[in-house]
PDB file of N, CA and C in Angstrom:
ATOM      1  N   MET A   1      -3.130  -2.050  15.168  1.00  0.00           N
ATOM      2  CA  MET A   1      -1.989  -2.870  14.361  1.00  0.00           C
ATOM      3  C   MET A   1      -2.792  -3.528  13.278  1.00  0.00           C
ATOM      4  N   PHE A   2      -2.332  -3.546  12.264  1.00  0.00           N
ATOM      5  CA  PHE A   2      -2.883  -4.140  11.069  1.00  0.00           C
ATOM      6  C   PHE A   2      -2.296  -5.702  10.568  1.00  0.00           C
ATOM      7  N   VAL A   3      -3.164  -6.609  10.639  1.00  0.00           N
ATOM      8  CA  VAL A   3      -2.448  -7.815  10.265  1.00  0.00           C
ATOM      9  C   VAL A   3      -2.986  -8.480   9.034  1.00  0.00           C
ATOM     10  N   THR A   4      -2.410  -8.885   8.297  1.00  0.00           N
ATOM     11  CA  THR A   4      -3.056  -9.658   6.952  1.00  0.00           C
ATOM     12  C   THR A   4      -2.296 -10.875   6.754  1.00  0.00           C
ATOM     13  N   ILE A   5      -2.933 -11.572   5.711  1.00  0.00           N
ATOM     14  CA  ILE A   5      -2.297 -12.882   5.201  1.00  0.00           C
ATOM     15  C   ILE A   5      -2.216 -13.010   3.799  1.00  0.00           C
ATOM     16  N   LEU A   6      -1.264 -14.032   3.264  1.00  0.00           N
ATOM     17  CA  LEU A   6      -1.313 -14.197   2.151  1.00  0.00           C
ATOM     18  C   LEU A   6      -2.706 -14.211   1.121  1.00  0.00           C
ATOM     19  N   GLU A   7      -3.761 -14.354   1.719  1.00  0.00           N
ATOM     20  CA  GLU A   7      -5.120 -14.772   0.752  1.00  0.00           C
ATOM     21  C   GLU A   7      -5.383 -13.466   0.259  1.00  0.00           C
ATOM     22  N   PHE A   8      -4.941 -12.212   1.112  1.00  0.00           N
ATOM     23  CA  PHE A   8      -5.403 -10.991   0.717  1.00  0.00           C
ATOM     24  C   PHE A   8      -4.317 -10.247  -0.308  1.00  0.00           C
ATOM     25  N   LEU A   9      -3.335 -10.952  -0.683  1.00  0.00           N
ATOM     26  CA  LEU A   9      -2.505 -10.286  -1.782  1.00  0.00           C
ATOM     27  C   LEU A   9      -3.042  -9.657  -2.967  1.00  0.00           C
ATOM     28  N   PRO A  10      -4.009 -10.452  -3.555  1.00  0.00           N
ATOM     29  CA  PRO A  10      -4.327  -9.723  -4.923  1.00  0.00           C
ATOM     30  C   PRO A  10      -5.189  -8.278  -4.498  1.00  0.00           C
ATOM     31  N   GLN A  11      -5.660  -8.418  -3.221  1.00  0.00           N
ATOM     32  CA  GLN A  11      -6.370  -6.964  -2.843  1.00  0.00           C
ATOM     33  C   GLN A  11      -5.568  -5.921  -2.659  1.00  0.00           C
ATOM     34  N   HIS A  12      -4.360  -6.220  -1.973  1.00  0.00           N
ATOM     35  CA  HIS A  12      -3.332  -5.507  -1.737  1.00  0.00           C
ATOM     36  C   HIS A  12      -2.683  -4.880  -3.009  1.00  0.00           C
ATOM     37  N   ARG A  13      -2.740  -5.873  -3.924  1.00  0.00           N
ATOM     38  CA  ARG A  13      -1.913  -5.339  -5.259  1.00  0.00           C
ATOM     39  C   ARG A  13      -2.953  -4.406  -6.015  1.00  0.00           C
ATOM     40  N   GLU A  14      -4.219  -4.532  -6.163  1.00  0.00           N
ATOM     41  CA  GLU A  14      -5.377  -3.837  -6.577  1.00  0.00           C
ATOM     42  C   GLU A  14      -5.161  -2.263  -5.894  1.00  0.00           C
ATOM     43  N   GLN A  15      -5.134  -2.400  -4.461  1.00  0.00           N
ATOM     44  CA  GLN A  15      -5.062  -1.383  -3.834  1.00  0.00           C
ATOM     45  C   GLN A  15      -3.943  -0.473  -4.300  1.00  0.00           C
ATOM     46  N   ARG A  16      -2.715  -1.184  -4.479  1.00  0.00           N
ATOM     47  CA  ARG A  16      -1.372  -0.407  -4.746  1.00  0.00           C
ATOM     48  C   ARG A  16      -1.772   0.280  -6.239  1.00  0.00           C
ATOM     49  N   GLN A  17      -2.464  -0.414  -7.000  1.00  0.00           N
ATOM     50  CA  GLN A  17      -2.577   0.022  -8.371  1.00  0.00           C
ATOM     51  C   GLN A  17      -3.488   1.298  -8.597  1.00  0.00           C
ATOM     52  N   GLN A  18      -4.296   1.200  -7.395  1.00  0.00           N
ATOM     53  CA  GLN A  18      -5.299   2.585  -7.334  1.00  0.00           C
ATOM     54  C   GLN A  18      -4.616   3.576  -6.661  1.00  0.00           C
ATOM     55  N   LEU A  19      -3.722   3.407  -5.783  1.00  0.00           N
ATOM     56  CA  LEU A  19      -3.173   4.579  -5.184  1.00  0.00           C
ATOM     57  C   LEU A  19      -2.178   5.226  -6.240  1.00  0.00           C
ATOM     58  N   LEU A  20      -1.416   4.196  -7.065  1.00  0.00           N
ATOM     59  CA  LEU A  20      -0.623   4.839  -7.839  1.00  0.00           C
ATOM     60  C   LEU A  20      -1.277   5.849  -8.625  1.00  0.00           C
ATOM     61  N   GLN A  21      -2.494   5.293  -9.074  1.00  0.00           N
ATOM     62  CA  GLN A  21      -3.313   6.308  -9.954  1.00  0.00           C
ATOM     63  C   GLN A  21      -3.537   7.531  -9.294  1.00  0.00           C
ATOM     64  N   ILE A  22      -3.945   7.361  -8.036  1.00  0.00           N
ATOM     65  CA  ILE A  22      -4.262   8.704  -7.203  1.00  0.00           C
ATOM     66  C   ILE A  22      -3.186   9.464  -7.154  1.00  0.00           C
ATOM     67  N   VAL A  23      -1.890   8.931  -6.697  1.00  0.00           N
ATOM     68  CA  VAL A  23      -0.703   9.913  -6.702  1.00  0.00           C
ATOM     69  C   VAL A  23      -0.403  10.587  -8.111  1.00  0.00           C
ATOM     70  N   SER A  24      -0.609   9.933  -9.206  1.00  0.00           N
ATOM     71  CA  SER A  24      -0.635  10.334 -10.310  1.00  0.00           C
ATOM     72  C   SER A  24      -1.287  11.564 -10.815  1.00  0.00           C
ATOM     73  N   ALA A  25      -2.624  11.255 -10.533  1.00  0.00           N
ATOM     74  CA  ALA A  25      -3.684  12.246 -10.750  1.00  0.00           C
ATOM     75  C   ALA A  25      -3.366  13.467  -9.838  1.00  0.00           C
ATOM     76  N   ALA A  26      -3.213  13.073  -8.995  1.00  0.00           N
ATOM     77  CA  ALA A  26      -2.904  14.363  -7.742  1.00  0.00           C
ATOM     78  C   ALA A  26      -1.595  15.195  -8.184  1.00  0.00           C
ATOM     79  N   GLU A  27      -0.753  14.526  -8.547  1.00  0.00           N
ATOM     80  CA  GLU A  27       0.384  15.520  -8.975  1.00  0.00           C
ATOM     81  C   GLU A  27       0.218  16.347 -10.324  1.00  0.00           C
ATOM     82  N   VAL A  28      -0.492  15.684 -11.466  1.00  0.00           N
ATOM     83  CA  VAL A  28      -0.850  16.472 -12.595  1.00  0.00           C
ATOM     84  C   VAL A  28      -1.741  17.631 -12.162  1.00  0.00           C
ATOM     85  N   ARG A  29      -2.682  17.485 -11.256  1.00  0.00           N
ATOM     86  CA  ARG A  29      -3.416  18.569 -10.745  1.00  0.00           C
ATOM     87  C   ARG A  29      -2.695  19.440  -9.608  1.00  0.00           C
ATOM     88  N   GLY A  30      -1.439  19.366  -9.426  1.00  0.00           N
ATOM     89  CA  GLY A  30      -0.715  20.052  -8.527  1.00  0.00           C
ATOM     90  C   GLY A  30      -1.286  19.942  -6.978  1.00  0.00           C
ATOM     91  N   GLN A  31      -1.865  18.897  -6.671  1.00  0.00           N
ATOM     92  CA  GLN A  31      -2.220  18.418  -5.500  1.00  0.00           C
ATOM     93  C   GLN A  31      -1.165  17.836  -4.455  1.00  0.00           C
ATOM     94  N   ALA A  32      -0.046  18.522  -4.095  1.00  0.00           N
ATOM     95  CA  ALA A  32       0.803  18.029  -3.566  1.00  0.00           C
ATOM     96  C   ALA A  32       0.655  17.050  -2.200  1.00  0.00           C
ATOM     97  N   ARG A  33      -0.201  17.995  -1.381  1.00  0.00           N
ATOM     98  CA  ARG A  33      -0.632  17.126  -0.178  1.00  0.00           C
ATOM     99  C   ARG A  33      -1.510  15.734  -0.245  1.00  0.00           C
ATOM    100  N   VAL A  34      -2.149  15.655  -1.286  1.00  0.00           N
ATOM    101  CA  VAL A  34      -2.610  14.618  -1.526  1.00  0.00           C
ATOM    102  C   VAL A  34      -1.865  13.553  -2.145  1.00  0.00           C
ATOM    103  N   ALA A  35      -0.806  13.772  -2.911  1.00  0.00           N
ATOM    104  CA  ALA A  35       0.026  12.999  -3.546  1.00  0.00           C
ATOM    105  C   ALA A  35       0.816  12.568  -2.284  1.00  0.00           C
ATOM    106  N   GLU A  36       1.264  13.418  -1.381  1.00  0.00           N
ATOM    107  CA  GLU A  36       2.266  13.050  -0.398  1.00  0.00           C
ATOM    108  C   GLU A  36       1.624  12.098   0.656  1.00  0.00           C
ATOM    109  N   MET A  37       0.401  12.232   1.188  1.00  0.00           N
ATOM    110  CA  MET A  37      -0.506  11.561   1.927  1.00  0.00           C
ATOM    111  C   MET A  37      -0.672  10.174   1.309  1.00  0.00           C
ATOM    112  N   ASN A  38      -0.976  10.068   0.091  1.00  0.00           N
ATOM    113  CA  ASN A  38      -1.158   8.690  -0.522  1.00  0.00           C
ATOM    114  C   ASN A  38       0.338   8.029  -0.714  1.00  0.00           C
ATOM    115  N   ARG A  39       1.267   8.566  -0.903  1.00  0.00           N
ATOM    116  CA  ARG A  39       2.720   8.065  -1.054  1.00  0.00           C
ATOM    117  C   ARG A  39       2.896   7.476   0.128  1.00  0.00           C
ATOM    118  N   GLN A  40       2.588   8.160   1.062  1.00  0.00           N
ATOM    119  CA  GLN A  40       2.892   7.296   2.488  1.00  0.00           C
ATOM    120  C   GLN A  40       2.036   5.904   2.869  1.00  0.00           C
ATOM    121  N   VAL A  41       0.868   5.791   2.259  1.00  0.00           N
ATOM    122  CA  VAL A  41      -0.089   4.632   2.378  1.00  0.00           C
ATOM    123  C   VAL A  41       0.654   3.632   1.153  1.00  0.00           C
ATOM    124  N   LEU A  42       1.188   4.303   0.204  1.00  0.00           N
ATOM    125  CA  LEU A  42       1.796   3.496  -0.839  1.00  0.00           C
ATOM    126  C   LEU A  42       2.891   2.822  -0.320  1.00  0.00           C
ATOM    127  N   GLY A  43       3.708   3.270   0.537  1.00  0.00           N
ATOM    128  CA  GLY A  43       5.023   2.769   1.017  1.00  0.00           C
ATOM    129  C   GLY A  43       4.546   1.953   2.037  1.00  0.00           C
ATOM    130  N   ASN A  44       3.647   2.154   2.483  1.00  0.00           N
ATOM    131  CA  ASN A  44       3.299   0.978   3.966  1.00  0.00           C
ATOM    132  C   ASN A  44       2.628  -0.261   3.027  1.00  0.00           C
ATOM    133  N   LEU A  45       2.131   0.181   2.141  1.00  0.00           N
ATOM    134  CA  LEU A  45       1.243  -1.139   1.319  1.00  0.00           C
ATOM    135  C   LEU A  45       2.567  -1.738   0.817  1.00  0.00           C
ATOM    136  N   GLU A  46       3.447  -1.378   0.093  1.00  0.00           N
ATOM    137  CA  GLU A  46       4.843  -1.990  -0.371  1.00  0.00           C
ATOM    138  C   GLU A  46       5.034  -2.857   0.624  1.00  0.00           C
ATOM    139  N   LYS A  47       5.430  -2.258   1.832  1.00  0.00           N
ATOM    140  CA  LYS A  47       5.965  -3.150   2.771  1.00  0.00           C
ATOM    141  C   LYS A  47       5.150  -4.431   3.143  1.00  0.00           C
ATOM    142  N   ILE A  48       3.757  -4.247   3.337  1.00  0.00           N
ATOM    143  CA  ILE A  48       2.745  -5.327   3.554  1.00  0.00           C
ATOM    144  C   ILE A  48       3.017  -6.280   2.426  1.00  0.00           C
ATOM    145  N   ILE A  49       3.091  -5.764   1.194  1.00  0.00           N
ATOM    146  CA  ILE A  49       3.174  -6.672  -0.247  1.00  0.00           C
ATOM    147  C   ILE A  49       4.418  -7.521  -0.162  1.00  0.00           C
ATOM    148  N   THR A  50       5.475  -6.824   0.087  1.00  0.00           N
ATOM    149  CA  THR A  50       6.896  -7.410  -0.090  1.00  0.00           C
ATOM    150  C   THR A  50       7.018  -8.360   1.168  1.00  0.00           C
ATOM    151  N   GLY A  51       6.395  -8.066   2.487  1.00  0.00           N
ATOM    152  CA  GLY A  51       6.459  -8.979   3.471  1.00  0.00           C
ATOM    153  C   GLY A  51       5.755 -10.245   3.244  1.00  0.00           C
ATOM    154  N   LEU A  52       4.407 -10.164   2.645  1.00  0.00           N
ATOM    155  CA  LEU A  52       3.685 -11.592   2.220  1.00  0.00           C
ATOM    156  C   LEU A  52       4.356 -12.260   1.075  1.00  0.00           C
ATOM    157  N   GLU A  53       5.090 -11.489   0.280  1.00  0.00           N
ATOM    158  CA  GLU A  53       5.620 -12.340  -1.198  1.00  0.00           C
ATOM    159  C   GLU A  53       7.259 -12.975  -0.440  1.00  0.00           C
ATOM    160  N   THR A  54       7.628 -12.499   0.579  1.00  0.00           N
ATOM    161  CA  THR A  54       8.984 -12.759   1.133  1.00  0.00           C
ATOM    162  C   THR A  54       8.592 -14.207   1.768  1.00  0.00           C
ATOM    163  N   ASP A  55       7.665 -13.946   2.631  1.00  0.00           N
ATOM    164  CA  ASP A  55       7.524 -15.276   3.650  1.00  0.00           C
ATOM    165  C   ASP A  55       6.027 -15.318   3.731  1.00  0.00           C
ATOM    166  N   PRO A  56       5.621 -16.175   2.717  1.00  0.00           N
ATOM    167  CA  PRO A  56       4.186 -16.402   2.680  1.00  0.00           C
ATOM    168  C   PRO A  56       3.712 -17.089   3.712  1.00  0.00           C
ATOM    169  N   GLY A  57       4.142 -17.978   4.589  1.00  0.00           N
ATOM    170  CA  GLY A  57       3.588 -18.724   5.573  1.00  0.00           C
ATOM    171  C   GLY A  57       3.398 -17.837   7.041  1.00  0.00           C
ATOM    172  N   GLN A  58       4.058 -16.717   6.859  1.00  0.00           N
ATOM    173  CA  GLN A  58       3.743 -15.690   8.003  1.00  0.00           C
ATOM    174  C   GLN A  58       2.929 -14.273   7.756  1.00  0.00           C
ATOM    175  N   PRO A  59       1.759 -14.333   8.685  1.00  0.00           N
ATOM    176  CA  PRO A  59       1.103 -13.136   8.506  1.00  0.00           C
ATOM    177  C   PRO A  59       1.926 -11.816   8.639  1.00  0.00           C
ATOM    178  N   GLU A  60       1.502 -10.819   7.898  1.00  0.00           N
ATOM    179  CA  GLU A  60       2.280  -9.744   7.768  1.00  0.00           C
ATOM    180  C   GLU A  60       1.442  -8.543   8.827  1.00  0.00           C
ATOM    181  N   ALA A  61       2.215  -8.037   9.757  1.00  0.00           N
ATOM    182  CA  ALA A  61       1.656  -6.987  10.470  1.00  0.00           C
ATOM    183  C   ALA A  61       2.390  -5.938  10.673  1.00  0.00           C
ATOM    184  N   THR A  62       1.623  -4.763  10.593  1.00  0.00           N
ATOM    185  CA  THR A  62       2.279  -3.316  10.582  1.00  0.00           C
ATOM    186  C   THR A  62       1.384  -2.382  11.359  1.00  0.00           C
ATOM    187  N   ALA A  63       1.788  -1.823  12.017  1.00  0.00           N
ATOM    188  CA  ALA A  63       0.927  -0.571  12.967  1.00  0.00           C
ATOM    189  C   ALA A  63       0.856   0.769  11.926  1.00  0.00           C
ATOM    190  N   GLU A  64       1.467   0.711  10.776  1.00  0.00           N
ATOM    191  CA  GLU A  64       1.544   1.738  10.137  1.00  0.00           C
ATOM    192  C   GLU A  64       1.009   1.293   8.724  1.00  0.00           C
ATOM    193  N   ALA A  65      -0.182   0.730   8.844  1.00  0.00           N
ATOM    194  CA  ALA A  65      -0.647   0.432   7.628  1.00  0.00           C
ATOM    195  C   ALA A  65      -1.751   1.684   6.949  1.00  0.00           C
ATOM    196  N   SER A  66      -2.161   2.557   7.662  1.00  0.00           N
ATOM    197  CA  SER A  66      -2.871   3.570   7.292  1.00  0.00           C
ATOM    198  C   SER A  66      -2.266   4.689   6.299  1.00  0.00           C
TER     199      SER A  66
END
């Protein structure tokens, strides 16, 4: 179980940017599996960011953060 709080939102946003770059570079190189795996992580991270932005008073928890 992964639990985070609003305090870490900037780090989550930075990680999202890094993942977007990784996915883009993998697609350019034809590394479909690398792109797919990182898209899954990106999707989970998007849920975390959205949850923190939507209800900043509550910690965001997800079992699928990896």
